[in-house]
Amino acid sequence: MAPRDDLDPDSSVWHWIAVELRLFRELFNLTGTEVAEILGLEKSSVSNMEAGRTKLRMGHAEKLDQRYKTGGHFQRLVKLAEKTHNPDWFAQFTRYERRSTLIRPYSALLVPGLLQTPDYARAVIEGAQMLDNVDQALQERMTRQEILKGENPPELHALIKQSVLEDPVGGPDIMRAQLAHLITMSHLKNIIIRVVPRSLGAHPGVDGSFTLLTASKGEYAWSEAVGGGRLVSDPAEVREYLRRYDRLGADAMSRGSTRSLIAEVMEATE
């Protein structure tokens, strides 16, 4: 397998896993030795997995999911990697997105891509430090948004975690402009934006962001993760995401209350 510098998470699930291993370890401020102790391995084995030289086994994935409380994230990645040779996740997602009549994202960390301003999107892309051509990635993201402006645009029903509004991505000025943009977009007839309040506590979205896509040929789900994602087409799995979305929606703020909250956050953003 490839050394760390040659990892390409956009073309290999195993490379994606390698990137995720390092990201989660650093997120939790753990050393390679500490992760090795969790897995019952030598430190060199952890280094090899993070560099993409060896593969993460299911038993080790289970231990990491327990330690990081991911809700089965690493186990799902291993299952996907074991059955997929050359996935093209994001290209798949955008193809289904373009064909959808109803798009329902739940966003736990960032403003949904279809609702991002150029400056906010640039800050997100640069902050991730995973793409060499920031301008190209930004242009692709802005092009995606064109589907909302056509003659027959899809319905966009977005649920956004409250903390997303309060995280000053790119700085106060960029964030205020982004919040203003959300209010503007929320008045379009095909767009509904509602906030999942912090007071909700533990909820069905704690595992992370996902998007439901309804097209003429069926319904699909896109489960997001750092550095990639997974397109779900199995009806039983999609139904589970639908249940999660419905439960979140049942407790989300109204459209009017959402606009009021966004305006309050704008005023408080300095």
Protein backbone atom coordinates (compact mmCIF):
# COMPACT_ATOMS: atom_id res chain seq x y z
CA MET A 1 0.00 0.00 0.00
CA ALA A 2 0.98 3.64 -0.36
CA PRO A 3 3.10 5.75 1.98
CA ARG A 4 1.28 8.56 3.77
CA ASP A 5 2.29 11.25 1.26
CA ASP A 6 0.73 9.21 -1.55
CA LEU A 7 -2.60 8.58 0.15
CA ASP A 8 -5.56 9.36 -2.07
CA PRO A 9 -8.78 9.11 -0.03
CA ASP A 10 -10.81 10.16 -3.07
CA SER A 11 -9.96 6.97 -4.94
CA SER A 12 -9.43 4.34 -2.24
CA VAL A 13 -11.53 3.52 0.82
CA TRP A 14 -8.45 2.02 2.48
CA HIS A 15 -6.60 5.30 1.97
CA TRP A 16 -9.60 7.10 3.43
CA ILE A 17 -9.45 4.83 6.48
CA ALA A 18 -5.75 5.60 6.88
CA VAL A 19 -6.44 9.34 6.82
CA GLU A 20 -9.32 8.93 9.29
CA LEU A 21 -7.14 6.96 11.70
CA ARG A 22 -4.69 9.81 11.99
CA LEU A 23 -7.38 12.51 12.10
CA PHE A 24 -9.28 10.82 14.92
CA ARG A 25 -6.10 10.11 16.89
CA GLU A 26 -5.06 13.75 16.67
CA LEU A 27 -8.59 14.95 17.40
CA PHE A 28 -8.53 13.02 20.67
CA ASN A 29 -4.94 14.09 21.42
CA LEU A 30 -3.66 10.52 21.52
CA THR A 31 -0.17 9.31 20.66
CA GLY A 32 0.54 6.37 18.41
CA THR A 33 1.65 4.44 21.47
CA GLU A 34 -1.66 5.11 23.25
CA VAL A 35 -3.67 3.94 20.24
CA ALA A 36 -1.45 0.86 20.02
CA GLU A 37 -2.32 0.05 23.64
CA ILE A 38 -6.04 0.39 22.88
CA LEU A 39 -5.70 -2.03 19.97
CA GLY A 40 -3.23 -4.39 21.60
CA LEU A 41 -0.66 -3.74 18.88
CA GLU A 42 2.85 -2.41 18.49
CA LYS A 43 3.23 1.31 17.78
CA SER A 44 4.75 0.44 14.40
CA SER A 45 1.51 -1.31 13.44
CA VAL A 46 -0.46 1.88 14.10
CA SER A 47 2.05 3.88 12.05
CA ASN A 48 1.71 1.41 9.19
CA MET A 49 -2.09 1.67 9.23
CA GLU A 50 -1.97 5.48 9.26
CA ALA A 51 0.47 5.42 6.36
CA GLY A 52 -1.77 3.07 4.39
CA ARG A 53 0.77 0.24 4.38
CA THR A 54 -1.49 -2.18 6.28
CA LYS A 55 -5.25 -2.47 6.57
CA LEU A 56 -7.43 -1.88 9.61
CA ARG A 57 -9.06 -5.11 10.76
CA MET A 58 -12.69 -5.30 11.87
CA GLY A 59 -11.78 -6.22 15.45
CA HIS A 60 -9.56 -3.17 15.72
CA ALA A 61 -12.24 -1.02 14.09
CA GLU A 62 -14.65 -2.08 16.83
CA LYS A 63 -12.19 -1.01 19.53
CA LEU A 64 -11.65 2.37 17.90
CA ASP A 65 -15.39 2.94 17.55
CA GLN A 66 -15.77 2.23 21.26
CA ARG A 67 -12.90 4.54 22.23
CA TYR A 68 -13.99 7.41 19.96
CA LYS A 69 -17.73 6.77 20.43
CA THR A 70 -18.32 7.00 16.68
CA GLY A 71 -21.45 4.87 16.51
CA GLY A 72 -19.74 2.28 14.30
CA HIS A 73 -17.96 4.65 11.89
CA PHE A 74 -14.74 2.63 11.46
CA GLN A 75 -16.62 -0.66 11.25
CA ARG A 76 -18.75 0.73 8.41
CA LEU A 77 -15.64 1.95 6.62
CA VAL A 78 -13.99 -1.46 6.82
CA LYS A 79 -17.15 -3.14 5.50
CA LEU A 80 -17.27 -0.66 2.64
CA ALA A 81 -13.58 -1.08 1.86
CA GLU A 82 -13.90 -4.84 1.82
CA LYS A 83 -16.62 -4.79 -0.82
CA THR A 84 -15.53 -1.78 -2.89
CA HIS A 85 -12.43 -1.55 -5.08
CA ASN A 86 -12.45 1.95 -6.57
CA PRO A 87 -15.30 4.04 -5.18
CA ASP A 88 -15.97 7.49 -6.60
CA TRP A 89 -18.06 8.72 -3.68
CA PHE A 90 -18.41 12.41 -4.29
CA ALA A 91 -18.90 12.11 -8.03
CA GLN A 92 -21.63 9.58 -7.26
CA PHE A 93 -23.23 11.90 -4.75
CA THR A 94 -23.30 14.92 -7.06
CA ARG A 95 -24.81 12.83 -9.86
CA TYR A 96 -27.66 11.73 -7.61
CA GLU A 97 -27.96 15.24 -6.20
CA ARG A 98 -28.49 16.70 -9.69
CA ARG A 99 -31.27 14.18 -10.37
CA SER A 100 -33.05 14.66 -7.06
CA THR A 101 -36.41 16.33 -6.59
CA LEU A 102 -35.98 16.53 -2.81
CA ILE A 103 -32.71 17.02 -0.93
CA ARG A 104 -32.74 16.73 2.86
CA PRO A 105 -29.40 17.36 4.57
CA TYR A 106 -28.77 17.19 8.28
CA SER A 107 -25.61 19.19 9.01
CA ALA A 108 -23.84 18.68 12.31
CA LEU A 109 -20.56 20.52 11.66
CA LEU A 110 -20.87 22.94 8.73
CA VAL A 111 -23.45 24.84 6.72
CA PRO A 112 -24.69 22.50 3.95
CA GLY A 113 -22.64 22.85 0.78
CA LEU A 114 -25.62 23.99 -1.29
CA LEU A 115 -26.12 26.92 1.11
CA GLN A 116 -22.52 28.07 1.57
CA THR A 117 -21.29 31.48 0.45
CA PRO A 118 -18.08 31.52 -1.63
CA ASP A 119 -16.03 32.97 1.24
CA TYR A 120 -17.37 30.45 3.76
CA ALA A 121 -16.78 27.59 1.33
CA ARG A 122 -13.21 28.75 0.69
CA ALA A 123 -12.53 28.89 4.43
CA VAL A 124 -13.86 25.35 4.82
CA ILE A 125 -11.80 23.98 1.93
CA GLU A 126 -8.62 25.73 3.04
CA GLY A 127 -9.16 24.68 6.64
CA ALA A 128 -9.48 21.02 5.71
CA GLN A 129 -6.01 21.11 4.09
CA MET A 130 -6.82 18.06 1.97
CA LEU A 131 -6.99 19.57 -1.53
CA ASP A 132 -4.18 21.12 -3.53
CA ASN A 133 -6.38 23.14 -5.90
CA VAL A 134 -8.60 25.23 -3.64
CA ASP A 135 -9.92 27.40 -6.49
CA GLN A 136 -11.05 24.37 -8.48
CA ALA A 137 -12.77 22.83 -5.46
CA LEU A 138 -14.48 26.14 -4.72
CA GLN A 139 -15.71 26.46 -8.30
CA GLU A 140 -17.09 22.93 -8.20
CA ARG A 141 -18.96 23.69 -4.99
CA MET A 142 -20.45 26.88 -6.39
CA THR A 143 -21.44 25.06 -9.59
CA ARG A 144 -23.34 22.50 -7.51
CA GLN A 145 -25.51 25.31 -6.18
CA GLU A 146 -26.82 26.07 -9.67
CA ILE A 147 -29.38 23.28 -9.30
CA LEU A 148 -31.28 25.51 -6.86
CA LYS A 149 -31.70 28.22 -9.50
CA GLY A 150 -33.15 26.30 -12.44
CA GLU A 151 -36.69 26.36 -13.80
CA ASN A 152 -37.63 23.27 -11.80
CA PRO A 153 -35.31 23.35 -8.80
CA PRO A 154 -35.40 20.57 -6.24
CA GLU A 155 -36.86 21.09 -2.80
CA LEU A 156 -34.13 21.62 -0.21
CA HIS A 157 -35.17 20.91 3.38
CA ALA A 158 -32.12 21.50 5.57
CA LEU A 159 -31.76 20.67 9.25
CA ILE A 160 -28.76 22.41 10.80
CA LYS A 161 -27.36 21.87 14.26
CA GLN A 162 -27.35 25.10 16.29
CA SER A 163 -23.62 24.97 16.96
CA VAL A 164 -23.00 25.26 13.19
CA LEU A 165 -24.37 28.79 13.31
CA GLU A 166 -22.11 29.74 16.20
CA ASP A 167 -18.82 28.36 14.91
CA PRO A 168 -17.12 31.39 13.28
CA VAL A 169 -15.73 29.66 10.20
CA GLY A 170 -13.43 32.08 8.36
CA GLY A 171 -13.83 34.78 10.99
CA PRO A 172 -16.68 37.09 12.10
CA ASP A 173 -17.20 38.95 8.81
CA ILE A 174 -17.40 35.80 6.71
CA MET A 175 -19.68 34.14 9.25
CA ARG A 176 -22.06 37.10 9.43
CA ALA A 177 -22.34 37.11 5.64
CA GLN A 178 -22.99 33.37 5.70
CA LEU A 179 -25.75 33.75 8.29
CA ALA A 180 -27.34 36.55 6.27
CA HIS A 181 -27.24 34.28 3.22
CA LEU A 182 -29.06 31.55 5.13
CA ILE A 183 -31.86 33.97 5.99
CA THR A 184 -32.11 35.08 2.36
CA MET A 185 -32.17 31.52 1.04
CA SER A 186 -34.77 30.49 3.62
CA HIS A 187 -37.31 32.79 1.95
CA LEU A 188 -37.12 30.96 -1.38
CA LYS A 189 -40.19 28.84 -2.03
CA ASN A 190 -38.21 25.63 -2.59
CA ILE A 191 -35.98 25.96 0.48
CA ILE A 192 -36.76 25.19 4.12
CA ILE A 193 -34.10 25.75 6.78
CA ARG A 194 -34.68 24.68 10.37
CA VAL A 195 -32.30 24.53 13.32
CA VAL A 196 -31.87 21.56 15.63
CA PRO A 197 -31.52 23.33 19.01
CA ARG A 198 -28.71 22.67 21.44
CA SER A 199 -31.28 22.06 24.17
CA LEU A 200 -32.25 18.82 22.45
CA GLY A 201 -29.18 17.11 23.93
CA ALA A 202 -28.54 13.56 22.72
CA HIS A 203 -30.43 12.97 19.48
CA PRO A 204 -30.47 10.75 16.36
CA GLY A 205 -27.92 13.00 14.63
CA VAL A 206 -25.07 12.54 17.10
CA ASP A 207 -23.30 10.18 14.67
CA GLY A 208 -22.76 13.02 12.22
CA SER A 209 -24.05 14.65 9.06
CA PHE A 210 -26.02 12.91 6.37
CA THR A 211 -28.15 13.78 3.35
CA LEU A 212 -31.28 12.13 2.00
CA LEU A 213 -31.84 12.27 -1.75
CA THR A 214 -35.21 11.57 -3.36
CA ALA A 215 -35.11 10.91 -7.10
CA SER A 216 -37.48 9.36 -9.63
CA LYS A 217 -35.78 5.99 -9.25
CA GLY A 218 -35.86 5.87 -5.46
CA GLU A 219 -34.36 7.27 -2.30
CA TYR A 220 -30.72 7.34 -1.28
CA ALA A 221 -28.68 8.50 1.68
CA TRP A 222 -25.23 10.04 1.83
CA SER A 223 -23.40 9.53 5.10
CA GLU A 224 -20.65 12.10 5.57
CA ALA A 225 -17.29 11.70 7.27
CA VAL A 226 -13.96 13.52 7.44
CA GLY A 227 -12.36 13.25 4.02
CA GLY A 228 -15.15 11.37 2.29
CA GLY A 229 -18.50 9.71 2.55
CA ARG A 230 -20.67 6.74 1.67
CA LEU A 231 -23.61 6.54 -0.70
CA VAL A 232 -26.32 4.28 0.71
CA SER A 233 -28.79 2.65 -1.65
CA ASP A 234 -29.92 -0.34 0.41
CA PRO A 235 -33.63 0.32 1.17
CA ALA A 236 -33.39 -0.89 4.77
CA GLU A 237 -30.43 1.40 5.52
CA VAL A 238 -32.09 4.33 3.76
CA ARG A 239 -35.21 3.82 5.88
CA GLU A 240 -33.06 4.08 8.99
CA TYR A 241 -31.68 7.43 7.82
CA LEU A 242 -35.24 8.55 7.05
CA ARG A 243 -36.29 7.69 10.58
CA ARG A 244 -33.35 9.64 11.98
CA TYR A 245 -34.19 12.67 9.84
CA ASP A 246 -37.86 12.57 10.83
CA ARG A 247 -36.99 12.38 14.52
CA LEU A 248 -34.62 15.33 14.20
CA GLY A 249 -37.23 17.27 12.25
CA ALA A 250 -39.86 16.62 14.89
CA ASP A 251 -37.72 18.44 17.46
CA ALA A 252 -36.28 21.14 15.20
CA MET A 253 -37.26 24.80 15.48
CA SER A 254 -39.89 26.29 13.19
CA ARG A 255 -38.85 28.23 10.09
CA GLY A 256 -39.70 31.54 11.73
CA SER A 257 -37.92 30.71 14.97
CA THR A 258 -34.93 29.57 12.96
CA ARG A 259 -34.70 32.92 11.16
CA SER A 260 -34.96 34.74 14.48
CA LEU A 261 -32.19 32.65 15.99
CA ILE A 262 -29.93 33.18 12.98
CA ALA A 263 -30.49 36.94 13.26
CA GLU A 264 -29.61 36.82 16.96
CA VAL A 265 -26.41 34.91 16.26
CA MET A 266 -25.51 37.40 13.52
CA GLU A 267 -25.88 40.28 15.95
CA ALA A 268 -23.76 38.51 18.56
CA THR A 269 -21.00 37.52 16.13
CA GLU A 270 -18.01 39.80 16.64
